[in-house]
Amino acid sequence: MKIWILEKWDSTENMQSKFDEAVAFSGATENTPLFEMLKTEFQKLIDNTPQGQWSGILAGISYKSFCNNAASIIEDGNTYRVMQGTFDDLSFHWMDYHAETENKLVLNHIMKIREKGEF
C-alpha cells in the first residue's frame, strides 16, 4: 500500500533528550536491568547514527488529509522531509514503512498550506 511519511531530523542531542524521557517514563533507575537495557539500546542507536537520524512522525494514505495534518504539526526550527513509500497490508502499524523516495514538492506544498493557515 502507498503511504506518505513526514519525517523529522533528530540530532544526537535530541535523541539523548528522548532517552532521558524514556528512562523517566519507565521509572528505571541506574544500575537496574531495565535501565541497562535502555542504555544499551540507546548506545547502539548512537553508534549506528552518530550524526542523528530521520524519524517518522506522521503518515497517511490520503494525500489531502496527510498534507493538512502535516501542516498542523510542523514546528519552526526543525528539519523535515516527506518520503513516499509503502507498507505491507499485514503490517500492524504504519511505522513498518519502507521509505522509497523523498518528495520535496509535497513538503513545499505542506509549507504553503502552513503559511496560509488553511489546515
PDB file of N, CA and C in Angstrom:
ATOM      1  N   MET A   1       0.847  -1.168   0.000  1.00  0.00           N
ATOM      2  CA  MET A   1       0.000   0.000   0.000  1.00  0.00           C
ATOM      3  C   MET A   1       0.896   1.237   0.000  1.00  0.00           C
ATOM      4  N   LYS A   2       0.543   2.244  -0.803  1.00  0.00           N
ATOM      5  CA  LYS A   2       1.303   3.502  -0.854  1.00  0.00           C
ATOM      6  C   LYS A   2       1.019   4.329   0.393  1.00  0.00           C
ATOM      7  N   ILE A   3       2.044   5.055   0.816  1.00  0.00           N
ATOM      8  CA  ILE A   3       1.919   5.866   2.022  1.00  0.00           C
ATOM      9  C   ILE A   3       2.830   7.081   1.912  1.00  0.00           C
ATOM     10  N   TRP A   4       2.392   8.194   2.489  1.00  0.00           N
ATOM     11  CA  TRP A   4       3.203   9.408   2.624  1.00  0.00           C
ATOM     12  C   TRP A   4       3.687   9.458   4.064  1.00  0.00           C
ATOM     13  N   ILE A   5       4.954   9.819   4.272  1.00  0.00           N
ATOM     14  CA  ILE A   5       5.511   9.865   5.608  1.00  0.00           C
ATOM     15  C   ILE A   5       6.199  11.208   5.822  1.00  0.00           C
ATOM     16  N   LEU A   6       5.863  11.878   6.921  1.00  0.00           N
ATOM     17  CA  LEU A   6       6.570  13.083   7.326  1.00  0.00           C
ATOM     18  C   LEU A   6       7.637  12.643   8.314  1.00  0.00           C
ATOM     19  N   GLU A   7       8.891  12.960   8.007  1.00  0.00           N
ATOM     20  CA  GLU A   7       9.992  12.599   8.889  1.00  0.00           C
ATOM     21  C   GLU A   7      10.649  13.863   9.427  1.00  0.00           C
ATOM     22  N   LYS A   8      11.112  13.753  10.655  1.00  0.00           N
ATOM     23  CA  LYS A   8      11.773  14.869  11.335  1.00  0.00           C
ATOM     24  C   LYS A   8      13.206  14.451  11.653  1.00  0.00           C
ATOM     25  N   TRP A   9      14.146  15.375  11.456  1.00  0.00           N
ATOM     26  CA  TRP A   9      15.537  15.092  11.768  1.00  0.00           C
ATOM     27  C   TRP A   9      15.754  15.181  13.266  1.00  0.00           C
ATOM     28  N   ASP A  10      16.312  14.119  13.839  1.00  0.00           N
ATOM     29  CA  ASP A  10      16.661  14.086  15.255  1.00  0.00           C
ATOM     30  C   ASP A  10      18.170  14.124  15.397  1.00  0.00           C
ATOM     31  N   SER A  11      18.682  15.177  15.991  1.00  0.00           N
ATOM     32  CA  SER A  11      20.115  15.267  16.272  1.00  0.00           C
ATOM     33  C   SER A  11      20.439  14.331  17.435  1.00  0.00           C
ATOM     34  N   THR A  12      21.713  14.091  17.657  1.00  0.00           N
ATOM     35  CA  THR A  12      22.088  13.228  18.778  1.00  0.00           C
ATOM     36  C   THR A  12      21.664  13.854  20.111  1.00  0.00           C
ATOM     37  N   GLU A  13      21.672  15.192  20.176  1.00  0.00           N
ATOM     38  CA  GLU A  13      21.227  15.858  21.409  1.00  0.00           C
ATOM     39  C   GLU A  13      19.741  15.602  21.649  1.00  0.00           C
ATOM     40  N   ASN A  14      18.956  15.670  20.581  1.00  0.00           N
ATOM     41  CA  ASN A  14      17.526  15.400  20.701  1.00  0.00           C
ATOM     42  C   ASN A  14      17.281  13.931  21.053  1.00  0.00           C
ATOM     43  N   MET A  15      18.086  13.052  20.466  1.00  0.00           N
ATOM     44  CA  MET A  15      17.967  11.629  20.783  1.00  0.00           C
ATOM     45  C   MET A  15      18.295  11.385  22.257  1.00  0.00           C
ATOM     46  N   GLN A  16      19.277  12.109  22.792  1.00  0.00           N
ATOM     47  CA  GLN A  16      19.623  11.984  24.210  1.00  0.00           C
ATOM     48  C   GLN A  16      18.449  12.436  25.074  1.00  0.00           C
ATOM     49  N   SER A  17      17.805  13.516  24.671  1.00  0.00           N
ATOM     50  CA  SER A  17      16.648  14.009  25.408  1.00  0.00           C
ATOM     51  C   SER A  17      15.524  12.971  25.412  1.00  0.00           C
ATOM     52  N   LYS A  18      15.302  12.332  24.261  1.00  0.00           N
ATOM     53  CA  LYS A  18      14.266  11.284  24.184  1.00  0.00           C
ATOM     54  C   LYS A  18      14.634  10.092  25.070  1.00  0.00           C
ATOM     55  N   PHE A  19      15.920   9.755  25.116  1.00  0.00           N
ATOM     56  CA  PHE A  19      16.363   8.675  26.002  1.00  0.00           C
ATOM     57  C   PHE A  19      16.063   9.027  27.453  1.00  0.00           C
ATOM     58  N   ASP A  20      16.399  10.250  27.847  1.00  0.00           N
ATOM     59  CA  ASP A  20      16.143  10.690  29.225  1.00  0.00           C
ATOM     60  C   ASP A  20      14.649  10.627  29.540  1.00  0.00           C
ATOM     61  N   GLU A  21      13.801  11.019  28.573  1.00  0.00           N
ATOM     62  CA  GLU A  21      12.350  10.949  28.764  1.00  0.00           C
ATOM     63  C   GLU A  21      11.887   9.503  28.906  1.00  0.00           C
ATOM     64  N   ALA A  22      12.449   8.612  28.084  1.00  0.00           N
ATOM     65  CA  ALA A  22      12.069   7.199  28.148  1.00  0.00           C
ATOM     66  C   ALA A  22      12.445   6.594  29.497  1.00  0.00           C
ATOM     67  N   VAL A  23      13.616   6.959  29.991  1.00  0.00           N
ATOM     68  CA  VAL A  23      14.050   6.461  31.300  1.00  0.00           C
ATOM     69  C   VAL A  23      13.114   6.976  32.386  1.00  0.00           C
ATOM     70  N   ALA A  24      12.802   8.257  32.343  1.00  0.00           N
ATOM     71  CA  ALA A  24      11.905   8.839  33.346  1.00  0.00           C
ATOM     72  C   ALA A  24      10.524   8.204  33.268  1.00  0.00           C
ATOM     73  N   PHE A  25      10.012   8.013  32.053  1.00  0.00           N
ATOM     74  CA  PHE A  25       8.684   7.431  31.865  1.00  0.00           C
ATOM     75  C   PHE A  25       8.639   5.989  32.369  1.00  0.00           C
ATOM     76  N   SER A  26       9.717   5.244  32.132  1.00  0.00           N
ATOM     77  CA  SER A  26       9.736   3.830  32.524  1.00  0.00           C
ATOM     78  C   SER A  26       9.920   3.654  34.028  1.00  0.00           C
ATOM     79  N   GLY A  27      10.415   4.669  34.695  1.00  0.00           N
ATOM     80  CA  GLY A  27      10.681   4.555  36.120  1.00  0.00           C
ATOM     81  C   GLY A  27      11.978   3.828  36.416  1.00  0.00           C
ATOM     82  N   ALA A  28      12.774   3.589  35.374  1.00  0.00           N
ATOM     83  CA  ALA A  28      14.041   2.876  35.565  1.00  0.00           C
ATOM     84  C   ALA A  28      15.024   3.745  36.329  1.00  0.00           C
ATOM     85  N   THR A  29      15.749   3.115  37.212  1.00  0.00           N
ATOM     86  CA  THR A  29      16.795   3.815  37.939  1.00  0.00           C
ATOM     87  C   THR A  29      18.137   3.186  37.564  1.00  0.00           C
ATOM     88  N   GLU A  30      19.195   3.953  37.769  1.00  0.00           N
ATOM     89  CA  GLU A  30      20.523   3.470  37.386  1.00  0.00           C
ATOM     90  C   GLU A  30      20.826   2.132  38.052  1.00  0.00           C
ATOM     91  N   ASN A  31      21.590   1.320  37.319  1.00  0.00           N
ATOM     92  CA  ASN A  31      22.050   0.009  37.779  1.00  0.00           C
ATOM     93  C   ASN A  31      20.919  -1.012  37.950  1.00  0.00           C
ATOM     94  N   THR A  32      19.790  -0.771  37.285  1.00  0.00           N
ATOM     95  CA  THR A  32      18.729  -1.784  37.261  1.00  0.00           C
ATOM     96  C   THR A  32      18.735  -2.428  35.874  1.00  0.00           C
ATOM     97  N   PRO A  33      18.206  -3.628  35.741  1.00  0.00           N
ATOM     98  CA  PRO A  33      18.192  -4.289  34.428  1.00  0.00           C
ATOM     99  C   PRO A  33      17.481  -3.466  33.346  1.00  0.00           C
ATOM    100  N   LEU A  34      16.368  -2.820  33.695  1.00  0.00           N
ATOM    101  CA  LEU A  34      15.637  -2.018  32.715  1.00  0.00           C
ATOM    102  C   LEU A  34      16.476  -0.836  32.244  1.00  0.00           C
ATOM    103  N   PHE A  35      17.106  -0.155  33.175  1.00  0.00           N
ATOM    104  CA  PHE A  35      17.952   0.982  32.820  1.00  0.00           C
ATOM    105  C   PHE A  35      19.100   0.534  31.922  1.00  0.00           C
ATOM    106  N   GLU A  36      19.748  -0.567  32.288  1.00  0.00           N
ATOM    107  CA  GLU A  36      20.878  -1.069  31.498  1.00  0.00           C
ATOM    108  C   GLU A  36      20.431  -1.469  30.096  1.00  0.00           C
ATOM    109  N   MET A  37      19.233  -2.050  29.959  1.00  0.00           N
ATOM    110  CA  MET A  37      18.713  -2.420  28.645  1.00  0.00           C
ATOM    111  C   MET A  37      18.470  -1.159  27.803  1.00  0.00           C
ATOM    112  N   LEU A  38      17.817  -0.157  28.385  1.00  0.00           N
ATOM    113  CA  LEU A  38      17.557   1.094  27.669  1.00  0.00           C
ATOM    114  C   LEU A  38      18.864   1.762  27.260  1.00  0.00           C
ATOM    115  N   LYS A  39      19.824   1.780  28.179  1.00  0.00           N
ATOM    116  CA  LYS A  39      21.117   2.408  27.902  1.00  0.00           C
ATOM    117  C   LYS A  39      21.848   1.674  26.771  1.00  0.00           C
ATOM    118  N   THR A  40      21.802   0.357  26.774  1.00  0.00           N
ATOM    119  CA  THR A  40      22.446  -0.443  25.723  1.00  0.00           C
ATOM    120  C   THR A  40      21.806  -0.175  24.367  1.00  0.00           C
ATOM    121  N   GLU A  41      20.469  -0.151  24.314  1.00  0.00           N
ATOM    122  CA  GLU A  41      19.765   0.101  23.048  1.00  0.00           C
ATOM    123  C   GLU A  41      20.047   1.509  22.541  1.00  0.00           C
ATOM    124  N   PHE A  42      20.078   2.468  23.457  1.00  0.00           N
ATOM    125  CA  PHE A  42      20.374   3.844  23.064  1.00  0.00           C
ATOM    126  C   PHE A  42      21.801   3.946  22.529  1.00  0.00           C
ATOM    127  N   GLN A  43      22.741   3.296  23.177  1.00  0.00           N
ATOM    128  CA  GLN A  43      24.130   3.355  22.724  1.00  0.00           C
ATOM    129  C   GLN A  43      24.285   2.725  21.347  1.00  0.00           C
ATOM    130  N   LYS A  44      23.562   1.638  21.075  1.00  0.00           N
ATOM    131  CA  LYS A  44      23.581   1.025  19.737  1.00  0.00           C
ATOM    132  C   LYS A  44      23.078   2.020  18.698  1.00  0.00           C
ATOM    133  N   LEU A  45      22.006   2.725  19.032  1.00  0.00           N
ATOM    134  CA  LEU A  45      21.428   3.711  18.124  1.00  0.00           C
ATOM    135  C   LEU A  45      22.432   4.827  17.833  1.00  0.00           C
ATOM    136  N   ILE A  46      23.075   5.336  18.859  1.00  0.00           N
ATOM    137  CA  ILE A  46      24.070   6.404  18.690  1.00  0.00           C
ATOM    138  C   ILE A  46      25.257   5.899  17.871  1.00  0.00           C
ATOM    139  N   ASP A  47      25.691   4.678  18.136  1.00  0.00           N
ATOM    140  CA  ASP A  47      26.819   4.113  17.384  1.00  0.00           C
ATOM    141  C   ASP A  47      26.483   3.964  15.900  1.00  0.00           C
ATOM    142  N   ASN A  48      25.230   3.604  15.604  1.00  0.00           N
ATOM    143  CA  ASN A  48      24.815   3.402  14.216  1.00  0.00           C
ATOM    144  C   ASN A  48      24.490   4.704  13.496  1.00  0.00           C
ATOM    145  N   THR A  49      24.126   5.729  14.242  1.00  0.00           N
ATOM    146  CA  THR A  49      23.743   7.013  13.639  1.00  0.00           C
ATOM    147  C   THR A  49      24.369   8.159  14.444  1.00  0.00           C
ATOM    148  N   PRO A  50      25.689   8.311  14.384  1.00  0.00           N
ATOM    149  CA  PRO A  50      26.357   9.307  15.233  1.00  0.00           C
ATOM    150  C   PRO A  50      25.986  10.758  14.922  1.00  0.00           C
ATOM    151  N   GLN A  51      25.532  11.051  13.704  1.00  0.00           N
ATOM    152  CA  GLN A  51      25.158  12.417  13.350  1.00  0.00           C
ATOM    153  C   GLN A  51      23.694  12.725  13.662  1.00  0.00           C
ATOM    154  N   GLY A  52      22.896  11.697  13.874  1.00  0.00           N
ATOM    155  CA  GLY A  52      21.466  11.839  14.072  1.00  0.00           C
ATOM    156  C   GLY A  52      20.731  10.917  13.123  1.00  0.00           C
ATOM    157  N   GLN A  53      19.397  11.038  13.092  1.00  0.00           N
ATOM    158  CA  GLN A  53      18.614  10.160  12.228  1.00  0.00           C
ATOM    159  C   GLN A  53      17.271  10.800  11.881  1.00  0.00           C
ATOM    160  N   TRP A  54      16.675  10.323  10.802  1.00  0.00           N
ATOM    161  CA  TRP A  54      15.326  10.719  10.433  1.00  0.00           C
ATOM    162  C   TRP A  54      14.345   9.811  11.160  1.00  0.00           C
ATOM    163  N   SER A  55      13.297  10.406  11.731  1.00  0.00           N
ATOM    164  CA  SER A  55      12.273   9.642  12.435  1.00  0.00           C
ATOM    165  C   SER A  55      10.911   9.976  11.858  1.00  0.00           C
ATOM    166  N   GLY A  56      10.161   8.949  11.507  1.00  0.00           N
ATOM    167  CA  GLY A  56       8.803   9.154  11.016  1.00  0.00           C
ATOM    168  C   GLY A  56       7.899   9.633  12.134  1.00  0.00           C
ATOM    169  N   ILE A  57       7.162  10.720  11.884  1.00  0.00           N
ATOM    170  CA  ILE A  57       6.277  11.250  12.927  1.00  0.00           C
ATOM    171  C   ILE A  57       4.812  11.290  12.492  1.00  0.00           C
ATOM    172  N   LEU A  58       4.563  11.145  11.187  1.00  0.00           N
ATOM    173  CA  LEU A  58       3.187  11.179  10.687  1.00  0.00           C
ATOM    174  C   LEU A  58       3.146  10.432   9.368  1.00  0.00           C
ATOM    175  N   ALA A  59       2.049   9.736   9.143  1.00  0.00           N
ATOM    176  CA  ALA A  59       1.883   9.034   7.864  1.00  0.00           C
ATOM    177  C   ALA A  59       0.423   9.116   7.449  1.00  0.00           C
ATOM    178  N   GLY A  60       0.203   8.953   6.163  1.00  0.00           N
ATOM    179  CA  GLY A  60      -1.160   8.954   5.661  1.00  0.00           C
ATOM    180  C   GLY A  60      -1.234   8.354   4.272  1.00  0.00           C
ATOM    181  N   ILE A  61      -2.404   7.808   3.948  1.00  0.00           N
ATOM    182  CA  ILE A  61      -2.603   7.252   2.611  1.00  0.00           C
ATOM    183  C   ILE A  61      -3.449   8.189   1.758  1.00  0.00           C
ATOM    184  N   SER A  62      -4.110   9.147   2.399  1.00  0.00           N
ATOM    185  CA  SER A  62      -4.872  10.170   1.679  1.00  0.00           C
ATOM    186  C   SER A  62      -4.003  11.420   1.576  1.00  0.00           C
ATOM    187  N   TYR A  63      -3.668  11.814   0.355  1.00  0.00           N
ATOM    188  CA  TYR A  63      -2.758  12.937   0.133  1.00  0.00           C
ATOM    189  C   TYR A  63      -3.246  14.209   0.817  1.00  0.00           C
ATOM    190  N   LYS A  64      -4.500  14.568   0.611  1.00  0.00           N
ATOM    191  CA  LYS A  64      -5.023  15.831   1.145  1.00  0.00           C
ATOM    192  C   LYS A  64      -5.009  15.851   2.671  1.00  0.00           C
ATOM    193  N   SER A  65      -5.501  14.805   3.294  1.00  0.00           N
ATOM    194  CA  SER A  65      -5.521  14.809   4.759  1.00  0.00           C
ATOM    195  C   SER A  65      -4.102  14.719   5.325  1.00  0.00           C
ATOM    196  N   PHE A  66      -3.205  13.986   4.650  1.00  0.00           N
ATOM    197  CA  PHE A  66      -1.818  13.928   5.097  1.00  0.00           C
ATOM    198  C   PHE A  66      -1.204  15.328   5.085  1.00  0.00           C
ATOM    199  N   CYS A  67      -1.367  16.050   3.984  1.00  0.00           N
ATOM    200  CA  CYS A  67      -0.792  17.396   3.869  1.00  0.00           C
ATOM    201  C   CYS A  67      -1.356  18.333   4.929  1.00  0.00           C
ATOM    202  N   ASN A  68      -2.663  18.296   5.145  1.00  0.00           N
ATOM    203  CA  ASN A  68      -3.281  19.163   6.154  1.00  0.00           C
ATOM    204  C   ASN A  68      -2.795  18.813   7.559  1.00  0.00           C
ATOM    205  N   ASN A  69      -2.727  17.525   7.873  1.00  0.00           N
ATOM    206  CA  ASN A  69      -2.250  17.108   9.195  1.00  0.00           C
ATOM    207  C   ASN A  69      -0.781  17.470   9.387  1.00  0.00           C
ATOM    208  N   ALA A  70       0.024  17.268   8.347  1.00  0.00           N
ATOM    209  CA  ALA A  70       1.446  17.608   8.436  1.00  0.00           C
ATOM    210  C   ALA A  70       1.628  19.101   8.663  1.00  0.00           C
ATOM    211  N   ALA A  71       0.857  19.910   7.942  1.00  0.00           N
ATOM    212  CA  ALA A  71       0.963  21.367   8.099  1.00  0.00           C
ATOM    213  C   ALA A  71       0.626  21.797   9.520  1.00  0.00           C
ATOM    214  N   SER A  72      -0.278  21.075  10.162  1.00  0.00           N
ATOM    215  CA  SER A  72      -0.697  21.463  11.512  1.00  0.00           C
ATOM    216  C   SER A  72       0.311  21.079  12.593  1.00  0.00           C
ATOM    217  N   ILE A  73       1.245  20.171  12.305  1.00  0.00           N
ATOM    218  CA  ILE A  73       2.176  19.751  13.367  1.00  0.00           C
ATOM    219  C   ILE A  73       3.620  20.204  13.151  1.00  0.00           C
ATOM    220  N   ILE A  74       3.924  20.736  11.979  1.00  0.00           N
ATOM    221  CA  ILE A  74       5.299  21.194  11.726  1.00  0.00           C
ATOM    222  C   ILE A  74       5.629  22.360  12.645  1.00  0.00           C
ATOM    223  N   GLU A  75       6.812  22.304  13.240  1.00  0.00           N
ATOM    224  CA  GLU A  75       7.263  23.339  14.165  1.00  0.00           C
ATOM    225  C   GLU A  75       8.454  24.083  13.572  1.00  0.00           C
ATOM    226  N   ASP A  76       8.535  25.358  13.840  1.00  0.00           N
ATOM    227  CA  ASP A  76       9.684  26.149  13.394  1.00  0.00           C
ATOM    228  C   ASP A  76      10.958  25.628  14.056  1.00  0.00           C
ATOM    229  N   GLY A  77      12.055  25.765  13.349  1.00  0.00           N
ATOM    230  CA  GLY A  77      13.345  25.394  13.915  1.00  0.00           C
ATOM    231  C   GLY A  77      13.714  23.933  13.749  1.00  0.00           C
ATOM    232  N   ASN A  78      12.839  23.131  13.175  1.00  0.00           N
ATOM    233  CA  ASN A  78      13.127  21.722  12.945  1.00  0.00           C
ATOM    234  C   ASN A  78      13.253  21.454  11.453  1.00  0.00           C
ATOM    235  N   THR A  79      13.920  20.372  11.111  1.00  0.00           N
ATOM    236  CA  THR A  79      14.113  19.991   9.715  1.00  0.00           C
ATOM    237  C   THR A  79      13.237  18.787   9.402  1.00  0.00           C
ATOM    238  N   TYR A  80      12.497  18.878   8.309  1.00  0.00           N
ATOM    239  CA  TYR A  80      11.566  17.823   7.921  1.00  0.00           C
ATOM    240  C   TYR A  80      11.827  17.390   6.479  1.00  0.00           C
ATOM    241  N   ARG A  81      11.332  16.209   6.172  1.00  0.00           N
ATOM    242  CA  ARG A  81      11.278  15.755   4.788  1.00  0.00           C
ATOM    243  C   ARG A  81      10.045  14.879   4.637  1.00  0.00           C
ATOM    244  N   VAL A  82       9.571  14.778   3.401  1.00  0.00           N
ATOM    245  CA  VAL A  82       8.439  13.911   3.096  1.00  0.00           C
ATOM    246  C   VAL A  82       8.955  12.759   2.250  1.00  0.00           C
ATOM    247  N   MET A  83       8.643  11.571   2.687  1.00  0.00           N
ATOM    248  CA  MET A  83       9.028  10.373   1.957  1.00  0.00           C
ATOM    249  C   MET A  83       7.760   9.709   1.423  1.00  0.00           C
ATOM    250  N   GLN A  84       7.876   9.199   0.226  1.00  0.00           N
ATOM    251  CA  GLN A  84       6.805   8.397  -0.338  1.00  0.00           C
ATOM    252  C   GLN A  84       7.274   6.960  -0.207  1.00  0.00           C
ATOM    253  N   GLY A  85       6.423   6.104   0.278  1.00  0.00           N
ATOM    254  CA  GLY A  85       6.851   4.733   0.489  1.00  0.00           C
ATOM    255  C   GLY A  85       5.693   3.764   0.457  1.00  0.00           C
ATOM    256  N   THR A  86       5.953   2.599   0.976  1.00  0.00           N
ATOM    257  CA  THR A  86       4.937   1.542   1.034  1.00  0.00           C
ATOM    258  C   THR A  86       5.002   0.883   2.398  1.00  0.00           C
ATOM    259  N   PHE A  87       3.924   0.217   2.731  1.00  0.00           N
ATOM    260  CA  PHE A  87       3.959  -0.675   3.878  1.00  0.00           C
ATOM    261  C   PHE A  87       3.079  -1.865   3.561  1.00  0.00           C
ATOM    262  N   ASP A  88       3.418  -2.976   4.158  1.00  0.00           N
ATOM    263  CA  ASP A  88       2.715  -4.222   3.871  1.00  0.00           C
ATOM    264  C   ASP A  88       1.288  -4.169   4.392  1.00  0.00           C
ATOM    265  N   ASP A  89       0.390  -4.797   3.648  1.00  0.00           N
ATOM    266  CA  ASP A  89      -1.008  -4.849   4.072  1.00  0.00           C
ATOM    267  C   ASP A  89      -1.166  -5.552   5.411  1.00  0.00           C
ATOM    268  N   LEU A  90      -0.219  -6.398   5.761  1.00  0.00           N
ATOM    269  CA  LEU A  90      -0.308  -7.144   7.023  1.00  0.00           C
ATOM    270  C   LEU A  90       0.425  -6.458   8.173  1.00  0.00           C
ATOM    271  N   SER A  91       0.964  -5.271   7.927  1.00  0.00           N
ATOM    272  CA  SER A  91       1.667  -4.548   8.985  1.00  0.00           C
ATOM    273  C   SER A  91       0.688  -4.136  10.071  1.00  0.00           C
ATOM    274  N   PHE A  92       1.178  -4.132  11.294  1.00  0.00           N
ATOM    275  CA  PHE A  92       0.339  -3.745  12.423  1.00  0.00           C
ATOM    276  C   PHE A  92       0.344  -2.242  12.648  1.00  0.00           C
ATOM    277  N   HIS A  93       1.352  -1.553  12.133  1.00  0.00           N
ATOM    278  CA  HIS A  93       1.495  -0.134  12.403  1.00  0.00           C
ATOM    279  C   HIS A  93       2.185   0.519  11.219  1.00  0.00           C
ATOM    280  N   TRP A  94       1.863   1.767  10.934  1.00  0.00           N
ATOM    281  CA  TRP A  94       2.472   2.457   9.792  1.00  0.00           C
ATOM    282  C   TRP A  94       3.977   2.612   9.937  1.00  0.00           C
ATOM    283  N   MET A  95       4.497   2.512  11.154  1.00  0.00           N
ATOM    284  CA  MET A  95       5.941   2.684  11.343  1.00  0.00           C
ATOM    285  C   MET A  95       6.749   1.539  10.734  1.00  0.00           C
ATOM    286  N   ASP A  96       6.064   0.523  10.210  1.00  0.00           N
ATOM    287  CA  ASP A  96       6.739  -0.561   9.494  1.00  0.00           C
ATOM    288  C   ASP A  96       6.943  -0.198   8.025  1.00  0.00           C
ATOM    289  N   TYR A  97       6.917   1.088   7.717  1.00  0.00           N
ATOM    290  CA  TYR A  97       7.004   1.520   6.322  1.00  0.00           C
ATOM    291  C   TYR A  97       8.395   1.330   5.730  1.00  0.00           C
ATOM    292  N   HIS A  98       8.430   1.320   4.418  1.00  0.00           N
ATOM    293  CA  HIS A  98       9.684   1.266   3.663  1.00  0.00           C
ATOM    294  C   HIS A  98       9.758   2.547   2.846  1.00  0.00           C
ATOM    295  N   ALA A  99      10.604   3.480   3.270  1.00  0.00           N
ATOM    296  CA  ALA A  99      10.759   4.743   2.549  1.00  0.00           C
ATOM    297  C   ALA A  99      11.431   4.473   1.216  1.00  0.00           C
ATOM    298  N   GLU A 100      10.880   5.046   0.161  1.00  0.00           N
ATOM    299  CA  GLU A 100      11.411   4.797  -1.170  1.00  0.00           C
ATOM    300  C   GLU A 100      12.007   6.052  -1.800  1.00  0.00           C
ATOM    301  N   THR A 101      11.268   7.155  -1.787  1.00  0.00           N
ATOM    302  CA  THR A 101      11.775   8.374  -2.417  1.00  0.00           C
ATOM    303  C   THR A 101      11.380   9.595  -1.606  1.00  0.00           C
ATOM    304  N   GLU A 102      12.295  10.551  -1.576  1.00  0.00           N
ATOM    305  CA  GLU A 102      11.986  11.827  -0.936  1.00  0.00           C
ATOM    306  C   GLU A 102      11.204  12.669  -1.937  1.00  0.00           C
ATOM    307  N   ASN A 103      10.193  13.380  -1.445  1.00  0.00           N
ATOM    308  CA  ASN A 103       9.381  14.206  -2.327  1.00  0.00           C
ATOM    309  C   ASN A 103       9.381  15.637  -1.805  1.00  0.00           C
ATOM    310  N   LYS A 104      10.267  16.462  -2.360  1.00  0.00           N
ATOM    311  CA  LYS A 104      10.411  17.852  -1.922  1.00  0.00           C
ATOM    312  C   LYS A 104       9.219  18.711  -2.340  1.00  0.00           C
ATOM    313  N   LEU A 105       8.562  18.351  -3.439  1.00  0.00           N
ATOM    314  CA  LEU A 105       7.386  19.114  -3.878  1.00  0.00           C
ATOM    315  C   LEU A 105       6.249  19.011  -2.874  1.00  0.00           C
ATOM    316  N   VAL A 106       6.057  17.842  -2.314  1.00  0.00           N
ATOM    317  CA  VAL A 106       4.993  17.675  -1.315  1.00  0.00           C
ATOM    318  C   VAL A 106       5.333  18.482  -0.069  1.00  0.00           C
ATOM    319  N   LEU A 107       6.596  18.466   0.356  1.00  0.00           N
ATOM    320  CA  LEU A 107       6.983  19.264   1.524  1.00  0.00           C
ATOM    321  C   LEU A 107       6.764  20.746   1.254  1.00  0.00           C
ATOM    322  N   ASN A 108       7.099  21.222   0.055  1.00  0.00           N
ATOM    323  CA  ASN A 108       6.845  22.625  -0.299  1.00  0.00           C
ATOM    324  C   ASN A 108       5.354  22.935  -0.242  1.00  0.00           C
ATOM    325  N   HIS A 109       4.526  22.015  -0.719  1.00  0.00           N
ATOM    326  CA  HIS A 109       3.070  22.203  -0.679  1.00  0.00           C
ATOM    327  C   HIS A 109       2.581  22.292   0.772  1.00  0.00           C
ATOM    328  N   ILE A 110       3.110  21.433   1.626  1.00  0.00           N
ATOM    329  CA  ILE A 110       2.731  21.447   3.044  1.00  0.00           C
ATOM    330  C   ILE A 110       3.125  22.776   3.683  1.00  0.00           C
ATOM    331  N   MET A 111       4.305  23.266   3.360  1.00  0.00           N
ATOM    332  CA  MET A 111       4.755  24.534   3.934  1.00  0.00           C
ATOM    333  C   MET A 111       3.880  25.696   3.475  1.00  0.00           C
ATOM    334  N   LYS A 112       3.401  25.658   2.233  1.00  0.00           N
ATOM    335  CA  LYS A 112       2.483  26.703   1.749  1.00  0.00           C
ATOM    336  C   LYS A 112       1.156  26.640   2.475  1.00  0.00           C
ATOM    337  N   ILE A 113       0.642  25.440   2.693  1.00  0.00           N
ATOM    338  CA  ILE A 113      -0.599  25.271   3.463  1.00  0.00           C
ATOM    339  C   ILE A 113      -0.411  25.859   4.858  1.00  0.00           C
ATOM    340  N   ARG A 114       0.735  25.565   5.463  1.00  0.00           N
ATOM    341  CA  ARG A 114       1.025  26.062   6.815  1.00  0.00           C
ATOM    342  C   ARG A 114       1.084  27.582   6.852  1.00  0.00           C
ATOM    343  N   GLU A 115       1.760  28.178   5.857  1.00  0.00           N
ATOM    344  CA  GLU A 115       1.869  29.637   5.807  1.00  0.00           C
ATOM    345  C   GLU A 115       0.503  30.302   5.686  1.00  0.00           C
ATOM    346  N   LYS A 116      -0.375  29.692   4.902  1.00  0.00           N
ATOM    347  CA  LYS A 116      -1.704  30.257   4.698  1.00  0.00           C
ATOM    348  C   LYS A 116      -2.644  29.937   5.861  1.00  0.00           C
ATOM    349  N   GLY A 117      -2.276  28.977   6.677  1.00  0.00           N
ATOM    350  CA  GLY A 117      -3.143  28.575   7.804  1.00  0.00           C
ATOM    351  C   GLY A 117      -4.403  27.887   7.349  1.00  0.00           C
ATOM    352  N   GLU A 118      -4.333  27.168   6.243  1.00  0.00           N
ATOM    353  CA  GLU A 118      -5.524  26.546   5.657  1.00  0.00           C
ATOM    354  C   GLU A 118      -5.689  25.083   6.033  1.00  0.00           C
ATOM    355  N   PHE A 119      -5.181  24.683   7.145  1.00  0.00           N
ATOM    356  CA  PHE A 119      -5.303  23.290   7.546  1.00  0.00           C
ATOM    357  C   PHE A 119      -6.373  23.199   8.546  1.00  0.00           C
TER     358      PHE A 119
END
